[in-house]
Amino acid sequence: MLICTKNLHFSDFVRANSEKNQNGYLLNVLICPAYLTETFKVGEQLIELDLKMNPFNAKDIKKIEAGLLERSHFLQEDPKLGIPSLVIDFKHYFTIDTKRLYSHDSSNVYLASLTTPYRERLSQRFCNYLSRIGLPDKCTVGKSMPA
């Protein structure tokens, strides 16, 4: 799943390569994989990499669906488009070189897009998770930390 809209970015990519100055050129695109909810529940979303993750019980899955676990984001199924429910784990992300991304014909891979405001909400949740600051458990507002 691409966080940015590929068509909009592609026009920027073409324009940046045709201008004298490529200040607007984006070197890499950030990608967050969306896992099938069924494989995510049992911790087998990365089984192809020989990695077994923690399984989730029904209570945890309900929290994920409700957006209460900040590490993940739930995407509801769309039976009309044949898209199953998906989970994005914000600890799993990577970048890909823009030229490499657009050098492959990906027209047969496209399924759907998130519309506004869902796209912005996903981006905001990802950024909030990634930018969190580690604080001690006993940190309270208004009290100074011991040196």
N, C-alpha and C. Protein backbone atom coordinates (compact mmCIF):
# COMPACT_ATOMS: atom_id res chain seq x y z
N MET A 1 0.84 -1.17 0.00
CA MET A 1 0.00 0.00 0.00
C MET A 1 0.88 1.24 0.00
N LEU A 2 0.62 2.14 -0.88
CA LEU A 2 1.36 3.40 -0.91
C LEU A 2 0.60 4.43 -0.10
N ILE A 3 1.32 5.17 0.73
CA ILE A 3 0.67 6.21 1.51
C ILE A 3 0.32 7.39 0.63
N CYS A 4 1.14 7.71 -0.34
CA CYS A 4 0.80 8.81 -1.26
C CYS A 4 -0.01 8.23 -2.42
N THR A 5 -0.69 9.10 -3.14
CA THR A 5 -1.43 8.62 -4.30
C THR A 5 -0.46 8.52 -5.46
N LYS A 6 -0.36 7.36 -6.04
CA LYS A 6 0.65 7.10 -7.06
C LYS A 6 0.45 7.96 -8.30
N ASN A 7 -0.76 8.12 -8.77
CA ASN A 7 -0.98 8.90 -10.00
C ASN A 7 -0.56 10.34 -9.81
N LEU A 8 -0.90 10.95 -8.69
CA LEU A 8 -0.52 12.32 -8.42
C LEU A 8 1.01 12.42 -8.34
N HIS A 9 1.63 11.49 -7.63
CA HIS A 9 3.08 11.52 -7.50
C HIS A 9 3.76 11.28 -8.84
N PHE A 10 3.21 10.41 -9.66
CA PHE A 10 3.83 10.11 -10.94
C PHE A 10 3.91 11.35 -11.81
N SER A 11 2.87 12.17 -11.81
CA SER A 11 2.93 13.41 -12.61
C SER A 11 4.02 14.33 -12.07
N ASP A 12 4.21 14.36 -10.75
CA ASP A 12 5.31 15.15 -10.16
C ASP A 12 6.65 14.58 -10.59
N PHE A 13 6.76 13.26 -10.64
CA PHE A 13 7.99 12.58 -11.03
C PHE A 13 8.37 12.94 -12.47
N VAL A 14 7.40 12.90 -13.36
CA VAL A 14 7.66 13.22 -14.77
C VAL A 14 8.06 14.69 -14.90
N ARG A 15 7.31 15.58 -14.23
CA ARG A 15 7.61 17.01 -14.30
C ARG A 15 9.00 17.31 -13.73
N ALA A 16 9.35 16.68 -12.59
CA ALA A 16 10.65 16.94 -11.96
C ALA A 16 11.80 16.50 -12.85
N ASN A 17 11.59 15.45 -13.63
CA ASN A 17 12.65 14.97 -14.51
C ASN A 17 12.75 15.77 -15.80
N SER A 18 11.75 16.58 -16.09
CA SER A 18 11.79 17.36 -17.33
C SER A 18 12.21 18.81 -17.08
N GLU A 19 12.28 19.22 -15.84
CA GLU A 19 12.68 20.59 -15.52
C GLU A 19 14.19 20.67 -15.30
N LYS A 20 14.72 21.89 -15.37
CA LYS A 20 16.14 22.11 -15.10
C LYS A 20 16.49 21.73 -13.67
N ASN A 21 15.64 22.11 -12.75
CA ASN A 21 15.89 21.95 -11.33
C ASN A 21 14.97 20.87 -10.78
N GLN A 22 15.52 19.87 -10.12
CA GLN A 22 14.72 18.78 -9.59
C GLN A 22 14.54 18.87 -8.07
N ASN A 23 14.37 20.09 -7.54
CA ASN A 23 14.19 20.26 -6.10
C ASN A 23 12.98 19.50 -5.57
N GLY A 24 11.95 19.33 -6.39
CA GLY A 24 10.74 18.65 -5.96
C GLY A 24 10.79 17.15 -6.13
N TYR A 25 11.90 16.63 -6.62
CA TYR A 25 12.01 15.21 -6.90
C TYR A 25 12.03 14.40 -5.61
N LEU A 26 11.21 13.39 -5.54
CA LEU A 26 11.14 12.49 -4.39
C LEU A 26 12.00 11.26 -4.69
N LEU A 27 13.06 11.05 -3.91
CA LEU A 27 13.99 9.95 -4.18
C LEU A 27 13.39 8.58 -3.89
N ASN A 28 12.61 8.49 -2.82
CA ASN A 28 12.04 7.21 -2.40
C ASN A 28 10.57 7.38 -2.04
N VAL A 29 9.84 6.27 -2.10
CA VAL A 29 8.44 6.24 -1.70
C VAL A 29 8.34 5.30 -0.51
N LEU A 30 7.63 5.73 0.53
CA LEU A 30 7.43 4.93 1.72
C LEU A 30 6.25 3.99 1.50
N ILE A 31 6.45 2.72 1.80
CA ILE A 31 5.42 1.71 1.59
C ILE A 31 5.17 0.96 2.88
N CYS A 32 3.90 0.81 3.22
CA CYS A 32 3.48 0.00 4.37
C CYS A 32 2.70 -1.18 3.83
N PRO A 33 3.15 -2.41 4.06
CA PRO A 33 2.38 -3.55 3.58
C PRO A 33 1.09 -3.71 4.37
N ALA A 34 0.03 -4.09 3.69
CA ALA A 34 -1.25 -4.38 4.33
C ALA A 34 -1.43 -5.89 4.33
N TYR A 35 -1.59 -6.44 5.52
CA TYR A 35 -1.68 -7.90 5.69
C TYR A 35 -3.13 -8.35 5.76
N LEU A 36 -3.40 -9.53 5.24
CA LEU A 36 -4.72 -10.13 5.40
C LEU A 36 -4.99 -10.29 6.89
N THR A 37 -6.17 -9.89 7.32
CA THR A 37 -6.51 -9.96 8.74
C THR A 37 -6.41 -11.38 9.27
N GLU A 38 -6.83 -12.35 8.47
CA GLU A 38 -6.80 -13.75 8.92
C GLU A 38 -5.37 -14.23 9.20
N THR A 39 -4.41 -13.87 8.37
CA THR A 39 -3.02 -14.28 8.63
C THR A 39 -2.41 -13.46 9.76
N PHE A 40 -2.85 -12.20 9.89
CA PHE A 40 -2.37 -11.34 10.97
C PHE A 40 -2.81 -11.88 12.32
N LYS A 41 -4.05 -12.35 12.41
CA LYS A 41 -4.60 -12.89 13.67
C LYS A 41 -3.73 -14.01 14.23
N VAL A 42 -3.26 -14.87 13.37
CA VAL A 42 -2.48 -16.04 13.82
C VAL A 42 -0.97 -15.80 13.78
N GLY A 43 -0.55 -14.59 13.43
CA GLY A 43 0.86 -14.24 13.43
C GLY A 43 1.65 -14.78 12.26
N GLU A 44 0.97 -15.04 11.14
CA GLU A 44 1.64 -15.62 9.98
C GLU A 44 1.76 -14.65 8.81
N GLN A 45 1.69 -13.35 9.08
CA GLN A 45 1.75 -12.37 8.00
C GLN A 45 3.13 -12.30 7.34
N LEU A 46 4.17 -12.75 8.03
CA LEU A 46 5.52 -12.74 7.46
C LEU A 46 6.10 -14.15 7.34
N ILE A 47 5.25 -15.13 7.21
CA ILE A 47 5.68 -16.53 7.15
C ILE A 47 6.57 -16.79 5.92
N GLU A 48 6.36 -16.01 4.85
CA GLU A 48 7.20 -16.17 3.65
C GLU A 48 8.65 -15.77 3.90
N LEU A 49 8.88 -14.99 4.96
CA LEU A 49 10.24 -14.60 5.35
C LEU A 49 10.75 -15.46 6.51
N ASP A 50 10.04 -16.56 6.77
CA ASP A 50 10.35 -17.46 7.89
C ASP A 50 10.31 -16.74 9.24
N LEU A 51 9.37 -15.81 9.37
CA LEU A 51 9.18 -15.08 10.63
C LEU A 51 7.79 -15.37 11.18
N LYS A 52 7.73 -15.78 12.42
CA LYS A 52 6.47 -16.04 13.11
C LYS A 52 6.24 -14.91 14.10
N MET A 53 5.13 -14.21 13.96
CA MET A 53 4.81 -13.08 14.82
C MET A 53 3.85 -13.54 15.93
N ASN A 54 3.61 -12.69 16.91
CA ASN A 54 2.67 -13.01 17.98
C ASN A 54 1.25 -13.08 17.42
N PRO A 55 0.49 -14.11 17.83
CA PRO A 55 -0.93 -14.14 17.42
C PRO A 55 -1.73 -13.14 18.23
N PHE A 56 -2.90 -12.78 17.73
CA PHE A 56 -3.79 -11.84 18.40
C PHE A 56 -5.09 -12.57 18.75
N ASN A 57 -5.57 -12.37 19.97
CA ASN A 57 -6.85 -12.96 20.34
C ASN A 57 -7.99 -12.07 19.85
N ALA A 58 -9.21 -12.54 20.02
CA ALA A 58 -10.39 -11.80 19.51
C ALA A 58 -10.50 -10.41 20.14
N LYS A 59 -10.13 -10.29 21.41
CA LYS A 59 -10.20 -8.99 22.09
C LYS A 59 -9.23 -7.99 21.46
N ASP A 60 -8.00 -8.45 21.16
CA ASP A 60 -7.01 -7.58 20.52
C ASP A 60 -7.44 -7.18 19.11
N ILE A 61 -8.01 -8.11 18.38
CA ILE A 61 -8.48 -7.81 17.02
C ILE A 61 -9.58 -6.77 17.06
N LYS A 62 -10.47 -6.86 18.04
CA LYS A 62 -11.53 -5.85 18.20
C LYS A 62 -10.92 -4.48 18.46
N LYS A 63 -9.84 -4.43 19.26
CA LYS A 63 -9.16 -3.16 19.52
C LYS A 63 -8.54 -2.60 18.24
N ILE A 64 -7.94 -3.48 17.45
CA ILE A 64 -7.35 -3.06 16.18
C ILE A 64 -8.43 -2.52 15.26
N GLU A 65 -9.55 -3.23 15.16
CA GLU A 65 -10.66 -2.79 14.30
C GLU A 65 -11.21 -1.44 14.74
N ALA A 66 -11.21 -1.20 16.06
CA ALA A 66 -11.73 0.07 16.60
C ALA A 66 -10.69 1.19 16.56
N GLY A 67 -9.46 0.88 16.16
CA GLY A 67 -8.42 1.89 16.10
C GLY A 67 -7.83 2.23 17.46
N LEU A 68 -7.92 1.30 18.42
CA LEU A 68 -7.44 1.55 19.78
C LEU A 68 -5.99 1.13 20.01
N LEU A 69 -5.41 0.37 19.10
CA LEU A 69 -3.99 0.00 19.21
C LEU A 69 -3.21 0.89 18.24
N GLU A 70 -2.36 1.74 18.79
CA GLU A 70 -1.69 2.76 17.96
C GLU A 70 -0.70 2.18 16.97
N ARG A 71 -0.27 0.94 17.18
CA ARG A 71 0.72 0.32 16.30
C ARG A 71 0.12 -0.16 14.97
N SER A 72 -1.19 -0.30 14.89
CA SER A 72 -1.78 -0.89 13.70
C SER A 72 -2.98 -0.09 13.21
N HIS A 73 -3.36 -0.37 11.97
CA HIS A 73 -4.50 0.30 11.35
C HIS A 73 -5.32 -0.75 10.61
N PHE A 74 -6.62 -0.72 10.78
CA PHE A 74 -7.52 -1.71 10.18
C PHE A 74 -8.21 -1.11 8.96
N LEU A 75 -8.25 -1.87 7.89
CA LEU A 75 -8.98 -1.48 6.68
C LEU A 75 -10.10 -2.49 6.46
N GLN A 76 -11.33 -2.01 6.47
CA GLN A 76 -12.48 -2.90 6.31
C GLN A 76 -12.53 -3.51 4.92
N GLU A 77 -13.11 -4.69 4.85
CA GLU A 77 -13.26 -5.36 3.56
C GLU A 77 -14.26 -4.60 2.68
N ASP A 78 -14.12 -4.80 1.39
CA ASP A 78 -15.06 -4.25 0.42
C ASP A 78 -15.48 -5.39 -0.50
N PRO A 79 -16.57 -6.06 -0.16
CA PRO A 79 -16.99 -7.22 -0.96
C PRO A 79 -17.27 -6.89 -2.43
N LYS A 80 -17.74 -5.66 -2.71
CA LYS A 80 -18.02 -5.28 -4.10
C LYS A 80 -16.74 -5.28 -4.95
N LEU A 81 -15.62 -4.88 -4.33
CA LEU A 81 -14.35 -4.86 -5.06
C LEU A 81 -13.54 -6.14 -4.86
N GLY A 82 -14.04 -7.01 -3.98
CA GLY A 82 -13.33 -8.26 -3.71
C GLY A 82 -12.09 -8.06 -2.86
N ILE A 83 -12.08 -7.02 -2.02
CA ILE A 83 -10.94 -6.74 -1.17
C ILE A 83 -11.25 -7.23 0.24
N PRO A 84 -10.42 -8.11 0.79
CA PRO A 84 -10.66 -8.61 2.15
C PRO A 84 -10.24 -7.57 3.19
N SER A 85 -10.58 -7.81 4.44
CA SER A 85 -10.13 -6.90 5.51
C SER A 85 -8.62 -7.03 5.65
N LEU A 86 -7.98 -5.90 5.93
CA LEU A 86 -6.53 -5.83 5.98
C LEU A 86 -6.07 -5.12 7.25
N VAL A 87 -4.87 -5.45 7.70
CA VAL A 87 -4.26 -4.79 8.85
C VAL A 87 -2.89 -4.27 8.43
N ILE A 88 -2.61 -3.03 8.79
CA ILE A 88 -1.29 -2.44 8.55
C ILE A 88 -0.60 -2.36 9.89
N ASP A 89 0.60 -2.93 9.98
CA ASP A 89 1.42 -2.87 11.19
C ASP A 89 2.45 -1.77 10.96
N PHE A 90 2.37 -0.70 11.75
CA PHE A 90 3.24 0.45 11.53
C PHE A 90 4.71 0.19 11.83
N LYS A 91 5.03 -0.95 12.42
CA LYS A 91 6.44 -1.29 12.60
C LYS A 91 7.04 -1.87 11.33
N HIS A 92 6.19 -2.23 10.39
CA HIS A 92 6.65 -2.83 9.14
C HIS A 92 6.48 -1.82 8.01
N TYR A 93 7.56 -1.24 7.58
CA TYR A 93 7.54 -0.31 6.46
C TYR A 93 8.89 -0.33 5.78
N PHE A 94 8.92 0.10 4.55
CA PHE A 94 10.17 0.16 3.80
C PHE A 94 10.04 1.24 2.74
N THR A 95 11.15 1.58 2.14
CA THR A 95 11.13 2.54 1.04
C THR A 95 11.61 1.85 -0.22
N ILE A 96 11.19 2.41 -1.34
CA ILE A 96 11.64 1.91 -2.63
C ILE A 96 12.02 3.11 -3.48
N ASP A 97 13.09 2.96 -4.22
CA ASP A 97 13.55 4.01 -5.12
C ASP A 97 12.45 4.35 -6.12
N THR A 98 12.19 5.63 -6.30
CA THR A 98 11.11 6.08 -7.17
C THR A 98 11.28 5.60 -8.60
N LYS A 99 12.48 5.67 -9.13
CA LYS A 99 12.71 5.22 -10.51
C LYS A 99 12.42 3.73 -10.64
N ARG A 100 12.81 2.95 -9.63
CA ARG A 100 12.56 1.51 -9.68
C ARG A 100 11.06 1.22 -9.60
N LEU A 101 10.36 1.97 -8.75
CA LEU A 101 8.92 1.77 -8.61
C LEU A 101 8.20 2.01 -9.92
N TYR A 102 8.56 3.08 -10.62
CA TYR A 102 7.87 3.43 -11.85
C TYR A 102 8.43 2.72 -13.08
N SER A 103 9.51 1.98 -12.93
CA SER A 103 10.04 1.24 -14.07
C SER A 103 9.30 -0.07 -14.27
N HIS A 104 8.54 -0.51 -13.28
CA HIS A 104 7.78 -1.76 -13.38
C HIS A 104 6.35 -1.43 -13.80
N ASP A 105 5.78 -2.28 -14.62
CA ASP A 105 4.38 -2.10 -14.99
C ASP A 105 3.53 -2.65 -13.85
N SER A 106 2.96 -1.74 -13.08
CA SER A 106 2.15 -2.16 -11.94
C SER A 106 0.66 -1.97 -12.21
N SER A 107 0.27 -1.79 -13.46
CA SER A 107 -1.14 -1.55 -13.77
C SER A 107 -2.00 -2.76 -13.43
N ASN A 108 -1.43 -3.96 -13.42
CA ASN A 108 -2.21 -5.14 -13.11
C ASN A 108 -2.25 -5.44 -11.61
N VAL A 109 -1.65 -4.60 -10.78
CA VAL A 109 -1.60 -4.83 -9.35
C VAL A 109 -2.56 -3.91 -8.60
N TYR A 110 -2.97 -2.83 -9.19
CA TYR A 110 -3.81 -1.84 -8.53
C TYR A 110 -5.16 -2.43 -8.14
N LEU A 111 -5.57 -2.21 -6.87
CA LEU A 111 -6.87 -2.68 -6.41
C LEU A 111 -7.80 -1.53 -6.09
N ALA A 112 -7.35 -0.63 -5.24
CA ALA A 112 -8.22 0.44 -4.77
C ALA A 112 -7.38 1.55 -4.16
N SER A 113 -8.04 2.67 -3.88
CA SER A 113 -7.41 3.80 -3.21
C SER A 113 -8.21 4.16 -1.98
N LEU A 114 -7.55 4.75 -1.01
CA LEU A 114 -8.26 5.33 0.12
C LEU A 114 -8.64 6.75 -0.27
N THR A 115 -9.86 7.11 0.01
CA THR A 115 -10.31 8.46 -0.28
C THR A 115 -10.09 9.34 0.93
N THR A 116 -10.19 10.63 0.71
CA THR A 116 -10.08 11.57 1.81
C THR A 116 -11.34 11.46 2.65
N PRO A 117 -11.34 11.50 3.91
CA PRO A 117 -10.27 11.78 4.86
C PRO A 117 -9.55 10.52 5.36
N TYR A 118 -9.90 9.34 4.81
CA TYR A 118 -9.31 8.09 5.29
C TYR A 118 -7.82 8.01 4.99
N ARG A 119 -7.42 8.51 3.83
CA ARG A 119 -6.01 8.52 3.46
C ARG A 119 -5.20 9.37 4.44
N GLU A 120 -5.73 10.55 4.77
CA GLU A 120 -5.03 11.45 5.69
C GLU A 120 -5.02 10.87 7.11
N ARG A 121 -6.09 10.20 7.49
CA ARG A 121 -6.14 9.58 8.83
C ARG A 121 -5.09 8.48 8.95
N LEU A 122 -4.95 7.67 7.92
CA LEU A 122 -3.93 6.62 7.92
C LEU A 122 -2.54 7.24 8.01
N SER A 123 -2.28 8.25 7.23
CA SER A 123 -0.98 8.93 7.24
C SER A 123 -0.71 9.54 8.62
N GLN A 124 -1.72 10.17 9.21
CA GLN A 124 -1.56 10.78 10.53
C GLN A 124 -1.27 9.73 11.60
N ARG A 125 -1.98 8.61 11.56
CA ARG A 125 -1.76 7.56 12.56
C ARG A 125 -0.35 6.97 12.42
N PHE A 126 0.11 6.79 11.17
CA PHE A 126 1.46 6.27 10.95
C PHE A 126 2.50 7.25 11.52
N CYS A 127 2.35 8.52 11.20
CA CYS A 127 3.30 9.53 11.68
C CYS A 127 3.27 9.64 13.20
N ASN A 128 2.10 9.59 13.80
CA ASN A 128 2.01 9.64 15.26
C ASN A 128 2.73 8.46 15.90
N TYR A 129 2.56 7.27 15.32
CA TYR A 129 3.22 6.09 15.87
C TYR A 129 4.74 6.20 15.72
N LEU A 130 5.18 6.61 14.56
CA LEU A 130 6.61 6.68 14.28
C LEU A 130 7.32 7.76 15.08
N SER A 131 6.62 8.84 15.40
CA SER A 131 7.27 9.97 16.07
C SER A 131 7.11 9.96 17.58
N ARG A 132 6.55 8.90 18.14
CA ARG A 132 6.36 8.89 19.59
C ARG A 132 7.71 8.87 20.30
N ILE A 133 7.72 9.43 21.48
CA ILE A 133 8.94 9.56 22.27
C ILE A 133 8.88 8.60 23.45
N GLY A 134 9.94 7.88 23.68
CA GLY A 134 9.98 6.96 24.81
C GLY A 134 10.14 7.71 26.12
N LEU A 135 9.18 7.53 27.00
CA LEU A 135 9.21 8.15 28.32
C LEU A 135 9.13 7.07 29.39
N PRO A 136 9.71 7.31 30.55
CA PRO A 136 9.60 6.31 31.62
C PRO A 136 8.14 6.16 32.06
N ASP A 137 7.80 5.00 32.59
CA ASP A 137 6.43 4.72 33.01
C ASP A 137 5.95 5.67 34.10
N LYS A 138 6.84 6.13 34.96
CA LYS A 138 6.45 6.97 36.08
C LYS A 138 6.53 8.45 35.78
N CYS A 139 6.56 8.81 34.51
CA CYS A 139 6.64 10.22 34.10
C CYS A 139 5.25 10.84 34.23
N THR A 140 5.14 11.90 35.01
CA THR A 140 3.86 12.61 35.16
C THR A 140 4.02 14.05 34.71
N VAL A 141 2.95 14.62 34.27
CA VAL A 141 2.95 16.00 33.80
C VAL A 141 3.19 16.95 34.97
N GLY A 142 4.07 17.92 34.77
CA GLY A 142 4.31 18.94 35.77
C GLY A 142 5.37 18.59 36.80
N LYS A 143 5.88 17.38 36.81
CA LYS A 143 6.92 17.00 37.77
C LYS A 143 8.23 16.83 37.01
N SER A 144 9.31 17.27 37.65
CA SER A 144 10.60 17.13 36.98
C SER A 144 11.13 15.73 37.18
N MET A 145 11.93 15.31 36.21
CA MET A 145 12.54 13.98 36.24
C MET A 145 13.80 14.01 37.11
N PRO A 146 14.09 12.91 37.81
CA PRO A 146 15.34 12.87 38.59
C PRO A 146 16.54 12.88 37.65
N ALA A 147 17.60 13.50 38.08
CA ALA A 147 18.80 13.62 37.23
C ALA A 147 19.59 12.33 37.20
